[in-house]
Each structure stands twice: as C-alpha cells, then as structure tokens.
Amino acid sequence: QFHPEVTHTTEGKNLLRNFVLHICECSQDWTPDQFIESTIAG
C-alpha cells in the first residue's frame, strides 16, 4: 500500500529488485548494446 517507485520510499529500488530479479527471475538482458544490435537488425 505504498509506492516503491518514488524516491521518498528510500529502499523502494531494493523492493522492486527483489520482485523483478528474484521472484520473477528476470535476466538483466535489457542493455544499450543489446538494444542497438536488435534494433538495427530489425
């Protein structure tokens, strides 16, 4: 019932990291080089 995305939530980034990386098990593959390579190919 609070907003982790705003800077006033001091550890909000940690909470979102827990959800996105650990609970959802996302690999961190959204990088500038990956975007450039896939965009130019597309």
PDB file of all heavy atoms in Angstrom:
ATOM      1  N   GLN A   1       0.823  -1.214   0.000  1.00  0.00           N
ATOM      2  CA  GLN A   1       0.000   0.000   0.000  1.00  0.00           C
ATOM      3  C   GLN A   1       0.856   1.263   0.000  1.00  0.00           C
ATOM      4  O   GLN A   1       0.388   2.331   0.398  1.00  0.00           O
ATOM      5  CB  GLN A   1      -0.957  -0.019   1.188  1.00  0.00           C
ATOM      6  CG  GLN A   1      -2.064  -1.042   1.045  1.00  0.00           C
ATOM      7  CD  GLN A   1      -3.300  -0.681   1.852  1.00  0.00           C
ATOM      8  OE1 GLN A   1      -4.204   0.002   1.375  1.00  0.00           O
ATOM      9  NE2 GLN A   1      -3.328  -1.136   3.086  1.00  0.00           N
ATOM     10  N   PHE A   2       2.088   1.146  -0.439  1.00  0.00           N
ATOM     11  CA  PHE A   2       2.959   2.309  -0.591  1.00  0.00           C
ATOM     12  C   PHE A   2       3.590   2.245  -1.979  1.00  0.00           C
ATOM     13  O   PHE A   2       3.454   1.256  -2.698  1.00  0.00           O
ATOM     14  CB  PHE A   2       4.020   2.354   0.516  1.00  0.00           C
ATOM     15  CG  PHE A   2       4.830   1.097   0.659  1.00  0.00           C
ATOM     16  CD1 PHE A   2       6.000   0.910  -0.069  1.00  0.00           C
ATOM     17  CD2 PHE A   2       4.427   0.087   1.534  1.00  0.00           C
ATOM     18  CE1 PHE A   2       6.743  -0.261   0.062  1.00  0.00           C
ATOM     19  CE2 PHE A   2       5.171  -1.080   1.679  1.00  0.00           C
ATOM     20  CZ  PHE A   2       6.325  -1.250   0.942  1.00  0.00           C
ATOM     21  N   HIS A   3       4.288   3.306  -2.348  1.00  0.00           N
ATOM     22  CA  HIS A   3       4.846   3.422  -3.699  1.00  0.00           C
ATOM     23  C   HIS A   3       6.360   3.207  -3.666  1.00  0.00           C
ATOM     24  O   HIS A   3       7.109   4.109  -3.267  1.00  0.00           O
ATOM     25  CB  HIS A   3       4.522   4.800  -4.293  1.00  0.00           C
ATOM     26  CG  HIS A   3       3.089   4.966  -4.660  1.00  0.00           C
ATOM     27  ND1 HIS A   3       2.589   4.601  -5.887  1.00  0.00           N
ATOM     28  CD2 HIS A   3       2.033   5.431  -3.953  1.00  0.00           C
ATOM     29  CE1 HIS A   3       1.283   4.847  -5.928  1.00  0.00           C
ATOM     30  NE2 HIS A   3       0.923   5.347  -4.761  1.00  0.00           N
ATOM     31  N   PRO A   4       6.849   2.057  -4.133  1.00  0.00           N
ATOM     32  CA  PRO A   4       8.296   1.805  -4.113  1.00  0.00           C
ATOM     33  C   PRO A   4       9.050   2.566  -5.197  1.00  0.00           C
ATOM     34  O   PRO A   4      10.275   2.679  -5.148  1.00  0.00           O
ATOM     35  CB  PRO A   4       8.379   0.295  -4.356  1.00  0.00           C
ATOM     36  CG  PRO A   4       7.183  -0.007  -5.209  1.00  0.00           C
ATOM     37  CD  PRO A   4       6.103   0.916  -4.704  1.00  0.00           C
ATOM     38  N   GLU A   5       8.316   3.081  -6.192  1.00  0.00           N
ATOM     39  CA  GLU A   5       8.965   3.697  -7.350  1.00  0.00           C
ATOM     40  C   GLU A   5       9.427   5.129  -7.101  1.00  0.00           C
ATOM     41  O   GLU A   5      10.238   5.664  -7.859  1.00  0.00           O
ATOM     42  CB  GLU A   5       8.026   3.659  -8.567  1.00  0.00           C
ATOM     43  CG  GLU A   5       6.781   4.529  -8.456  1.00  0.00           C
ATOM     44  CD  GLU A   5       5.603   3.859  -7.764  1.00  0.00           C
ATOM     45  OE1 GLU A   5       5.825   2.918  -6.984  1.00  0.00           O
ATOM     46  OE2 GLU A   5       4.458   4.295  -7.993  1.00  0.00           O
ATOM     47  N   VAL A   6       8.903   5.789  -6.039  1.00  0.00           N
ATOM     48  CA  VAL A   6       9.264   7.186  -5.792  1.00  0.00           C
ATOM     49  C   VAL A   6      10.481   7.251  -4.878  1.00  0.00           C
ATOM     50  O   VAL A   6      10.724   6.352  -4.066  1.00  0.00           O
ATOM     51  CB  VAL A   6       8.076   7.981  -5.178  1.00  0.00           C
ATOM     52  CG1 VAL A   6       6.873   7.936  -6.101  1.00  0.00           C
ATOM     53  CG2 VAL A   6       7.701   7.445  -3.799  1.00  0.00           C
ATOM     54  N   THR A   7      11.225   8.336  -4.995  1.00  0.00           N
ATOM     55  CA  THR A   7      12.461   8.451  -4.218  1.00  0.00           C
ATOM     56  C   THR A   7      12.186   8.571  -2.724  1.00  0.00           C
ATOM     57  O   THR A   7      13.063   8.253  -1.910  1.00  0.00           O
ATOM     58  CB  THR A   7      13.279   9.675  -4.679  1.00  0.00           C
ATOM     59  OG1 THR A   7      12.454  10.848  -4.610  1.00  0.00           O
ATOM     60  CG2 THR A   7      13.768   9.498  -6.102  1.00  0.00           C
ATOM     61  N   HIS A   8      10.981   9.017  -2.342  1.00  0.00           N
ATOM     62  CA  HIS A   8      10.645   9.138  -0.919  1.00  0.00           C
ATOM     63  C   HIS A   8      10.601   7.776  -0.224  1.00  0.00           C
ATOM     64  O   HIS A   8      10.728   7.705   0.999  1.00  0.00           O
ATOM     65  CB  HIS A   8       9.300   9.841  -0.740  1.00  0.00           C
ATOM     66  CG  HIS A   8       9.261  11.216  -1.329  1.00  0.00           C
ATOM     67  ND1 HIS A   8      10.126  12.209  -0.943  1.00  0.00           N
ATOM     68  CD2 HIS A   8       8.467  11.775  -2.276  1.00  0.00           C
ATOM     69  CE1 HIS A   8       9.872  13.317  -1.628  1.00  0.00           C
ATOM     70  NE2 HIS A   8       8.869  13.074  -2.445  1.00  0.00           N
ATOM     71  N   THR A   9      10.372   6.695  -0.980  1.00  0.00           N
ATOM     72  CA  THR A   9      10.491   5.348  -0.416  1.00  0.00           C
ATOM     73  C   THR A   9      11.958   4.965  -0.538  1.00  0.00           C
ATOM     74  O   THR A   9      12.433   4.590  -1.613  1.00  0.00           O
ATOM     75  CB  THR A   9       9.587   4.351  -1.160  1.00  0.00           C
ATOM     76  OG1 THR A   9       8.217   4.744  -0.991  1.00  0.00           O
ATOM     77  CG2 THR A   9       9.762   2.947  -0.606  1.00  0.00           C
ATOM     78  N   THR A  10      12.675   5.078   0.569  1.00  0.00           N
ATOM     79  CA  THR A  10      14.141   5.066   0.498  1.00  0.00           C
ATOM     80  C   THR A  10      14.720   3.735   0.018  1.00  0.00           C
ATOM     81  O   THR A  10      15.796   3.713  -0.573  1.00  0.00           O
ATOM     82  CB  THR A  10      14.742   5.442   1.865  1.00  0.00           C
ATOM     83  OG1 THR A  10      14.154   4.627   2.875  1.00  0.00           O
ATOM     84  CG2 THR A  10      14.467   6.899   2.192  1.00  0.00           C
ATOM     85  N   GLU A  11      14.023   2.625   0.269  1.00  0.00           N
ATOM     86  CA  GLU A  11      14.519   1.327  -0.184  1.00  0.00           C
ATOM     87  C   GLU A  11      13.594   0.705  -1.223  1.00  0.00           C
ATOM     88  O   GLU A  11      13.556  -0.513  -1.392  1.00  0.00           O
ATOM     89  CB  GLU A  11      14.695   0.387   1.023  1.00  0.00           C
ATOM     90  CG  GLU A  11      15.779   0.869   1.984  1.00  0.00           C
ATOM     91  CD  GLU A  11      15.965  -0.048   3.185  1.00  0.00           C
ATOM     92  OE1 GLU A  11      14.967  -0.437   3.819  1.00  0.00           O
ATOM     93  OE2 GLU A  11      17.126  -0.374   3.472  1.00  0.00           O
ATOM     94  N   GLY A  12      12.875   1.580  -1.935  1.00  0.00           N
ATOM     95  CA  GLY A  12      11.945   1.107  -2.953  1.00  0.00           C
ATOM     96  C   GLY A  12      12.624   0.357  -4.080  1.00  0.00           C
ATOM     97  O   GLY A  12      12.093  -0.631  -4.602  1.00  0.00           O
ATOM     98  N   LYS A  13      13.823   0.816  -4.479  1.00  0.00           N
ATOM     99  CA  LYS A  13      14.546   0.124  -5.552  1.00  0.00           C
ATOM    100  C   LYS A  13      14.895  -1.301  -5.134  1.00  0.00           C
ATOM    101  O   LYS A  13      14.863  -2.223  -5.959  1.00  0.00           O
ATOM    102  CB  LYS A  13      15.819   0.895  -5.921  1.00  0.00           C
ATOM    103  CG  LYS A  13      15.561   2.200  -6.664  1.00  0.00           C
ATOM    104  CD  LYS A  13      16.877   2.857  -7.061  1.00  0.00           C
ATOM    105  CE  LYS A  13      16.641   4.163  -7.802  1.00  0.00           C
ATOM    106  NZ  LYS A  13      17.916   4.818  -8.185  1.00  0.00           N
ATOM    107  N   ASN A  14      15.241  -1.468  -3.858  1.00  0.00           N
ATOM    108  CA  ASN A  14      15.570  -2.815  -3.371  1.00  0.00           C
ATOM    109  C   ASN A  14      14.350  -3.727  -3.448  1.00  0.00           C
ATOM    110  O   ASN A  14      14.456  -4.899  -3.829  1.00  0.00           O
ATOM    111  CB  ASN A  14      16.070  -2.752  -1.926  1.00  0.00           C
ATOM    112  CG  ASN A  14      17.391  -2.026  -1.811  1.00  0.00           C
ATOM    113  OD1 ASN A  14      18.076  -1.817  -2.804  1.00  0.00           O
ATOM    114  ND2 ASN A  14      17.755  -1.632  -0.599  1.00  0.00           N
ATOM    115  N   LEU A  15      13.179  -3.195  -3.084  1.00  0.00           N
ATOM    116  CA  LEU A  15      11.960  -3.998  -3.138  1.00  0.00           C
ATOM    117  C   LEU A  15      11.648  -4.407  -4.578  1.00  0.00           C
ATOM    118  O   LEU A  15      11.335  -5.566  -4.851  1.00  0.00           O
ATOM    119  CB  LEU A  15      10.797  -3.220  -2.520  1.00  0.00           C
ATOM    120  CG  LEU A  15       9.478  -3.982  -2.362  1.00  0.00           C
ATOM    121  CD1 LEU A  15       8.719  -3.485  -1.126  1.00  0.00           C
ATOM    122  CD2 LEU A  15       8.586  -3.835  -3.585  1.00  0.00           C
ATOM    123  N   LEU A  16      11.738  -3.462  -5.506  1.00  0.00           N
ATOM    124  CA  LEU A  16      11.477  -3.786  -6.909  1.00  0.00           C
ATOM    125  C   LEU A  16      12.521  -4.764  -7.448  1.00  0.00           C
ATOM    126  O   LEU A  16      12.203  -5.643  -8.255  1.00  0.00           O
ATOM    127  CB  LEU A  16      11.445  -2.509  -7.750  1.00  0.00           C
ATOM    128  CG  LEU A  16      10.212  -1.611  -7.532  1.00  0.00           C
ATOM    129  CD1 LEU A  16      10.372  -0.285  -8.255  1.00  0.00           C
ATOM    130  CD2 LEU A  16       8.941  -2.315  -7.997  1.00  0.00           C
ATOM    131  N   ARG A  17      13.766  -4.618  -7.000  1.00  0.00           N
ATOM    132  CA  ARG A  17      14.801  -5.569  -7.408  1.00  0.00           C
ATOM    133  C   ARG A  17      14.453  -6.971  -6.923  1.00  0.00           C
ATOM    134  O   ARG A  17      14.589  -7.957  -7.672  1.00  0.00           O
ATOM    135  CB  ARG A  17      16.156  -5.148  -6.846  1.00  0.00           C
ATOM    136  CG  ARG A  17      17.296  -6.073  -7.283  1.00  0.00           C
ATOM    137  CD  ARG A  17      18.626  -5.686  -6.661  1.00  0.00           C
ATOM    138  NE  ARG A  17      19.074  -4.380  -7.139  1.00  0.00           N
ATOM    139  CZ  ARG A  17      19.128  -3.288  -6.389  1.00  0.00           C
ATOM    140  NH1 ARG A  17      18.740  -3.336  -5.122  1.00  0.00           N
ATOM    141  NH2 ARG A  17      19.543  -2.152  -6.887  1.00  0.00           N
ATOM    142  N   ASN A  18      13.987  -7.072  -5.670  1.00  0.00           N
ATOM    143  CA  ASN A  18      13.592  -8.379  -5.140  1.00  0.00           C
ATOM    144  C   ASN A  18      12.493  -9.009  -5.988  1.00  0.00           C
ATOM    145  O   ASN A  18      12.531 -10.196  -6.305  1.00  0.00           O
ATOM    146  CB  ASN A  18      13.105  -8.241  -3.701  1.00  0.00           C
ATOM    147  CG  ASN A  18      14.235  -7.972  -2.729  1.00  0.00           C
ATOM    148  OD1 ASN A  18      15.398  -8.236  -3.013  1.00  0.00           O
ATOM    149  ND2 ASN A  18      13.899  -7.433  -1.564  1.00  0.00           N
ATOM    150  N   PHE A  19      11.513  -8.176  -6.378  1.00  0.00           N
ATOM    151  CA  PHE A  19      10.395  -8.714  -7.161  1.00  0.00           C
ATOM    152  C   PHE A  19      10.843  -9.103  -8.564  1.00  0.00           C
ATOM    153  O   PHE A  19      10.594 -10.223  -9.031  1.00  0.00           O
ATOM    154  CB  PHE A  19       9.256  -7.695  -7.238  1.00  0.00           C
ATOM    155  CG  PHE A  19       8.081  -8.171  -8.053  1.00  0.00           C
ATOM    156  CD1 PHE A  19       7.227  -9.149  -7.559  1.00  0.00           C
ATOM    157  CD2 PHE A  19       7.829  -7.663  -9.325  1.00  0.00           C
ATOM    158  CE1 PHE A  19       6.161  -9.625  -8.312  1.00  0.00           C
ATOM    159  CE2 PHE A  19       6.759  -8.118 -10.083  1.00  0.00           C
ATOM    160  CZ  PHE A  19       5.922  -9.105  -9.570  1.00  0.00           C
ATOM    161  N   VAL A  20      11.541  -8.195  -9.228  1.00  0.00           N
ATOM    162  CA  VAL A  20      11.858  -8.398 -10.651  1.00  0.00           C
ATOM    163  C   VAL A  20      12.946  -9.458 -10.849  1.00  0.00           C
ATOM    164  O   VAL A  20      12.825 -10.345 -11.710  1.00  0.00           O
ATOM    165  CB  VAL A  20      12.281  -7.059 -11.285  1.00  0.00           C
ATOM    166  CG1 VAL A  20      12.822  -7.261 -12.694  1.00  0.00           C
ATOM    167  CG2 VAL A  20      11.105  -6.084 -11.312  1.00  0.00           C
ATOM    168  N   LEU A  21      14.012  -9.381 -10.062  1.00  0.00           N
ATOM    169  CA  LEU A  21      15.150 -10.270 -10.288  1.00  0.00           C
ATOM    170  C   LEU A  21      15.028 -11.602  -9.556  1.00  0.00           C
ATOM    171  O   LEU A  21      15.421 -12.642 -10.093  1.00  0.00           O
ATOM    172  CB  LEU A  21      16.455  -9.577  -9.874  1.00  0.00           C
ATOM    173  CG  LEU A  21      16.797  -8.266 -10.602  1.00  0.00           C
ATOM    174  CD1 LEU A  21      18.176  -7.793 -10.205  1.00  0.00           C
ATOM    175  CD2 LEU A  21      16.692  -8.419 -12.111  1.00  0.00           C
ATOM    176  N   HIS A  22      14.509 -11.579  -8.341  1.00  0.00           N
ATOM    177  CA  HIS A  22      14.492 -12.803  -7.545  1.00  0.00           C
ATOM    178  C   HIS A  22      13.175 -13.566  -7.646  1.00  0.00           C
ATOM    179  O   HIS A  22      13.169 -14.783  -7.831  1.00  0.00           O
ATOM    180  CB  HIS A  22      14.805 -12.470  -6.081  1.00  0.00           C
ATOM    181  CG  HIS A  22      16.120 -11.783  -5.898  1.00  0.00           C
ATOM    182  ND1 HIS A  22      17.284 -12.223  -6.490  1.00  0.00           N
ATOM    183  CD2 HIS A  22      16.460 -10.653  -5.219  1.00  0.00           C
ATOM    184  CE1 HIS A  22      18.284 -11.420  -6.171  1.00  0.00           C
ATOM    185  NE2 HIS A  22      17.810 -10.449  -5.396  1.00  0.00           N
ATOM    186  N   ILE A  23      12.063 -12.848  -7.543  1.00  0.00           N
ATOM    187  CA  ILE A  23      10.766 -13.530  -7.608  1.00  0.00           C
ATOM    188  C   ILE A  23      10.395 -13.855  -9.055  1.00  0.00           C
ATOM    189  O   ILE A  23      10.004 -14.981  -9.373  1.00  0.00           O
ATOM    190  CB  ILE A  23       9.677 -12.675  -6.932  1.00  0.00           C
ATOM    191  CG1 ILE A  23       9.981 -12.529  -5.436  1.00  0.00           C
ATOM    192  CG2 ILE A  23       8.288 -13.283  -7.134  1.00  0.00           C
ATOM    193  CD1 ILE A  23       9.098 -11.535  -4.706  1.00  0.00           C
ATOM    194  N   CYS A  24      10.549 -12.886  -9.950  1.00  0.00           N
ATOM    195  CA  CYS A  24      10.233 -13.125 -11.375  1.00  0.00           C
ATOM    196  C   CYS A  24      11.388 -13.797 -12.122  1.00  0.00           C
ATOM    197  O   CYS A  24      11.197 -14.291 -13.238  1.00  0.00           O
ATOM    198  CB  CYS A  24       9.876 -11.804 -12.059  1.00  0.00           C
ATOM    199  SG  CYS A  24       8.423 -10.980 -11.382  1.00  0.00           S
ATOM    200  N   GLU A  25      12.577 -13.777 -11.515  1.00  0.00           N
ATOM    201  CA  GLU A  25      13.773 -14.407 -12.094  1.00  0.00           C
ATOM    202  C   GLU A  25      14.091 -13.888 -13.494  1.00  0.00           C
ATOM    203  O   GLU A  25      14.398 -14.647 -14.422  1.00  0.00           O
ATOM    204  CB  GLU A  25      13.617 -15.940 -12.108  1.00  0.00           C
ATOM    205  CG  GLU A  25      13.447 -16.546 -10.722  1.00  0.00           C
ATOM    206  CD  GLU A  25      13.322 -18.055 -10.751  1.00  0.00           C
ATOM    207  OE1 GLU A  25      12.961 -18.615 -11.817  1.00  0.00           O
ATOM    208  OE2 GLU A  25      13.593 -18.688  -9.714  1.00  0.00           O
ATOM    209  N   CYS A  26      14.013 -12.567 -13.633  1.00  0.00           N
ATOM    210  CA  CYS A  26      14.362 -11.954 -14.922  1.00  0.00           C
ATOM    211  C   CYS A  26      15.881 -11.901 -15.078  1.00  0.00           C
ATOM    212  O   CYS A  26      16.599 -11.568 -14.134  1.00  0.00           O
ATOM    213  CB  CYS A  26      13.805 -10.540 -15.004  1.00  0.00           C
ATOM    214  SG  CYS A  26      12.017 -10.447 -15.189  1.00  0.00           S
ATOM    215  N   SER A  27      16.345 -12.204 -16.263  1.00  0.00           N
ATOM    216  CA  SER A  27      17.757 -11.984 -16.568  1.00  0.00           C
ATOM    217  C   SER A  27      17.902 -10.545 -17.043  1.00  0.00           C
ATOM    218  O   SER A  27      17.023 -10.003 -17.701  1.00  0.00           O
ATOM    219  CB  SER A  27      18.231 -12.958 -17.641  1.00  0.00           C
ATOM    220  OG  SER A  27      17.326 -13.001 -18.719  1.00  0.00           O
ATOM    221  N   GLN A  28      19.005  -9.930 -16.689  1.00  0.00           N
ATOM    222  CA  GLN A  28      19.185  -8.497 -16.970  1.00  0.00           C
ATOM    223  C   GLN A  28      19.770  -8.303 -18.368  1.00  0.00           C
ATOM    224  O   GLN A  28      20.922  -7.939 -18.544  1.00  0.00           O
ATOM    225  CB  GLN A  28      20.070  -7.887 -15.880  1.00  0.00           C
ATOM    226  CG  GLN A  28      19.415  -7.923 -14.497  1.00  0.00           C
ATOM    227  CD  GLN A  28      20.348  -7.502 -13.399  1.00  0.00           C
ATOM    228  OE1 GLN A  28      21.203  -8.256 -12.969  1.00  0.00           O
ATOM    229  NE2 GLN A  28      20.182  -6.275 -12.926  1.00  0.00           N
ATOM    230  N   ASP A  29      18.914  -8.534 -19.375  1.00  0.00           N
ATOM    231  CA  ASP A  29      19.389  -8.514 -20.758  1.00  0.00           C
ATOM    232  C   ASP A  29      18.936  -7.279 -21.537  1.00  0.00           C
ATOM    233  O   ASP A  29      19.076  -7.223 -22.751  1.00  0.00           O
ATOM    234  CB  ASP A  29      18.940  -9.783 -21.493  1.00  0.00           C
ATOM    235  CG  ASP A  29      17.438 -10.028 -21.388  1.00  0.00           C
ATOM    236  OD1 ASP A  29      16.721  -9.164 -20.826  1.00  0.00           O
ATOM    237  OD2 ASP A  29      16.972 -11.085 -21.851  1.00  0.00           O
ATOM    238  N   TRP A  30      18.375  -6.280 -20.837  1.00  0.00           N
ATOM    239  CA  TRP A  30      17.950  -5.036 -21.495  1.00  0.00           C
ATOM    240  C   TRP A  30      19.092  -4.037 -21.368  1.00  0.00           C
ATOM    241  O   TRP A  30      19.189  -3.283 -20.418  1.00  0.00           O
ATOM    242  CB  TRP A  30      16.666  -4.527 -20.845  1.00  0.00           C
ATOM    243  CG  TRP A  30      16.153  -3.206 -21.340  1.00  0.00           C
ATOM    244  CD1 TRP A  30      16.043  -2.051 -20.626  1.00  0.00           C
ATOM    245  CD2 TRP A  30      15.643  -2.888 -22.642  1.00  0.00           C
ATOM    246  NE1 TRP A  30      15.520  -1.037 -21.389  1.00  0.00           N
ATOM    247  CE2 TRP A  30      15.260  -1.530 -22.628  1.00  0.00           C
ATOM    248  CE3 TRP A  30      15.483  -3.626 -23.811  1.00  0.00           C
ATOM    249  CZ2 TRP A  30      14.711  -0.897 -23.751  1.00  0.00           C
ATOM    250  CZ3 TRP A  30      14.951  -2.995 -24.929  1.00  0.00           C
ATOM    251  CH2 TRP A  30      14.563  -1.654 -24.886  1.00  0.00           C
ATOM    252  N   THR A  31      20.022  -4.050 -22.330  1.00  0.00           N
ATOM    253  CA  THR A  31      21.208  -3.202 -22.288  1.00  0.00           C
ATOM    254  C   THR A  31      21.288  -2.358 -23.554  1.00  0.00           C
ATOM    255  O   THR A  31      20.684  -2.703 -24.580  1.00  0.00           O
ATOM    256  CB  THR A  31      22.480  -4.057 -22.189  1.00  0.00           C
ATOM    257  OG1 THR A  31      22.606  -4.846 -23.391  1.00  0.00           O
ATOM    258  CG2 THR A  31      22.433  -4.982 -20.975  1.00  0.00           C
ATOM    259  N   PRO A  32      22.025  -1.254 -23.518  1.00  0.00           N
ATOM    260  CA  PRO A  32      22.160  -0.422 -24.723  1.00  0.00           C
ATOM    261  C   PRO A  32      22.682  -1.200 -25.925  1.00  0.00           C
ATOM    262  O   PRO A  32      22.147  -1.079 -27.030  1.00  0.00           O
ATOM    263  CB  PRO A  32      23.143   0.662 -24.279  1.00  0.00           C
ATOM    264  CG  PRO A  32      22.955   0.768 -22.810  1.00  0.00           C
ATOM    265  CD  PRO A  32      22.666  -0.627 -22.350  1.00  0.00           C
ATOM    266  N   ASP A  33      23.720  -1.994 -25.720  1.00  0.00           N
ATOM    267  CA  ASP A  33      24.300  -2.739 -26.846  1.00  0.00           C
ATOM    268  C   ASP A  33      23.301  -3.745 -27.411  1.00  0.00           C
ATOM    269  O   ASP A  33      23.214  -3.934 -28.635  1.00  0.00           O
ATOM    270  CB  ASP A  33      25.574  -3.451 -26.415  1.00  0.00           C
ATOM    271  CG  ASP A  33      26.722  -2.482 -26.164  1.00  0.00           C
ATOM    272  OD1 ASP A  33      26.619  -1.326 -26.622  1.00  0.00           O
ATOM    273  OD2 ASP A  33      27.701  -2.876 -25.507  1.00  0.00           O
ATOM    274  N   GLN A  34      22.551  -4.408 -26.522  1.00  0.00           N
ATOM    275  CA  GLN A  34      21.539  -5.358 -26.988  1.00  0.00           C
ATOM    276  C   GLN A  34      20.464  -4.642 -27.781  1.00  0.00           C
ATOM    277  O   GLN A  34      20.022  -5.117 -28.837  1.00  0.00           O
ATOM    278  CB  GLN A  34      20.923  -6.087 -25.785  1.00  0.00           C
ATOM    279  CG  GLN A  34      19.881  -7.141 -26.133  1.00  0.00           C
ATOM    280  CD  GLN A  34      18.479  -6.581 -26.344  1.00  0.00           C
ATOM    281  OE1 GLN A  34      18.143  -5.518 -25.818  1.00  0.00           O
ATOM    282  NE2 GLN A  34      17.678  -7.273 -27.137  1.00  0.00           N
ATOM    283  N   PHE A  35      20.034  -3.465 -27.288  1.00  0.00           N
ATOM    284  CA  PHE A  35      19.002  -2.705 -27.998  1.00  0.00           C
ATOM    285  C   PHE A  35      19.494  -2.288 -29.376  1.00  0.00           C
ATOM    286  O   PHE A  35      18.778  -2.418 -30.379  1.00  0.00           O
ATOM    287  CB  PHE A  35      18.604  -1.465 -27.194  1.00  0.00           C
ATOM    288  CG  PHE A  35      17.641  -0.569 -27.917  1.00  0.00           C
ATOM    289  CD1 PHE A  35      16.286  -0.802 -27.875  1.00  0.00           C
ATOM    290  CD2 PHE A  35      18.103   0.503 -28.682  1.00  0.00           C
ATOM    291  CE1 PHE A  35      15.392   0.010 -28.565  1.00  0.00           C
ATOM    292  CE2 PHE A  35      17.233   1.323 -29.373  1.00  0.00           C
ATOM    293  CZ  PHE A  35      15.860   1.072 -29.311  1.00  0.00           C
ATOM    294  N   ILE A  36      20.701  -1.760 -29.440  1.00  0.00           N
ATOM    295  CA  ILE A  36      21.250  -1.296 -30.718  1.00  0.00           C
ATOM    296  C   ILE A  36      21.342  -2.445 -31.720  1.00  0.00           C
ATOM    297  O   ILE A  36      20.911  -2.323 -32.875  1.00  0.00           O
ATOM    298  CB  ILE A  36      22.628  -0.643 -30.501  1.00  0.00           C
ATOM    299  CG1 ILE A  36      22.471   0.676 -29.730  1.00  0.00           C
ATOM    300  CG2 ILE A  36      23.331  -0.403 -31.839  1.00  0.00           C
ATOM    301  CD1 ILE A  36      23.781   1.245 -29.219  1.00  0.00           C
ATOM    302  N   GLU A  37      21.892  -3.553 -31.272  1.00  0.00           N
ATOM    303  CA  GLU A  37      22.064  -4.698 -32.162  1.00  0.00           C
ATOM    304  C   GLU A  37      20.725  -5.214 -32.691  1.00  0.00           C
ATOM    305  O   GLU A  37      20.553  -5.417 -33.901  1.00  0.00           O
ATOM    306  CB  GLU A  37      22.795  -5.820 -31.416  1.00  0.00           C
ATOM    307  CG  GLU A  37      23.081  -7.047 -32.260  1.00  0.00           C
ATOM    308  CD  GLU A  37      23.797  -8.136 -31.476  1.00  0.00           C
ATOM    309  OE1 GLU A  37      24.353  -7.829 -30.399  1.00  0.00           O
ATOM    310  OE2 GLU A  37      23.785  -9.290 -31.939  1.00  0.00           O
ATOM    311  N   SER A  38      19.765  -5.406 -31.787  1.00  0.00           N
ATOM    312  CA  SER A  38      18.476  -5.962 -32.218  1.00  0.00           C
ATOM    313  C   SER A  38      17.681  -4.955 -33.046  1.00  0.00           C
ATOM    314  O   SER A  38      16.983  -5.330 -33.993  1.00  0.00           O
ATOM    315  CB  SER A  38      17.656  -6.407 -30.999  1.00  0.00           C
ATOM    316  OG  SER A  38      17.356  -5.310 -30.153  1.00  0.00           O
ATOM    317  N   THR A  39      17.795  -3.662 -32.715  1.00  0.00           N
ATOM    318  CA  THR A  39      17.062  -2.639 -33.461  1.00  0.00           C
ATOM    319  C   THR A  39      17.584  -2.516 -34.887  1.00  0.00           C
ATOM    320  O   THR A  39      16.800  -2.451 -35.847  1.00  0.00           O
ATOM    321  CB  THR A  39      17.145  -1.276 -32.751  1.00  0.00           C
ATOM    322  OG1 THR A  39      16.551  -1.392 -31.454  1.00  0.00           O
ATOM    323  CG2 THR A  39      16.411  -0.199 -33.542  1.00  0.00           C
ATOM    324  N   ILE A  40      18.885  -2.466 -35.047  1.00  0.00           N
ATOM    325  CA  ILE A  40      19.461  -2.358 -36.391  1.00  0.00           C
ATOM    326  C   ILE A  40      19.110  -3.594 -37.222  1.00  0.00           C
ATOM    327  O   ILE A  40      18.741  -3.481 -38.402  1.00  0.00           O
ATOM    328  CB  ILE A  40      20.986  -2.142 -36.312  1.00  0.00           C
ATOM    329  CG1 ILE A  40      21.280  -0.754 -35.732  1.00  0.00           C
ATOM    330  CG2 ILE A  40      21.629  -2.289 -37.685  1.00  0.00           C
ATOM    331  CD1 ILE A  40      22.755  -0.485 -35.477  1.00  0.00           C
ATOM    332  N   ALA A  41      19.184  -4.770 -36.602  1.00  0.00           N
ATOM    333  CA  ALA A  41      18.818  -5.994 -37.325  1.00  0.00           C
ATOM    334  C   ALA A  41      17.345  -5.957 -37.737  1.00  0.00           C
ATOM    335  O   ALA A  41      16.995  -6.329 -38.871  1.00  0.00           O
ATOM    336  CB  ALA A  41      19.083  -7.219 -36.438  1.00  0.00           C
ATOM    337  N   GLY A  42      16.480  -5.481 -36.839  1.00  0.00           N
ATOM    338  CA  GLY A  42      15.055  -5.375 -37.156  1.00  0.00           C
ATOM    339  C   GLY A  42      14.788  -4.365 -38.255  1.00  0.00           C
ATOM    340  O   GLY A  42      13.946  -4.595 -39.134  1.00  0.00           O
TER     341      GLY A  42
END
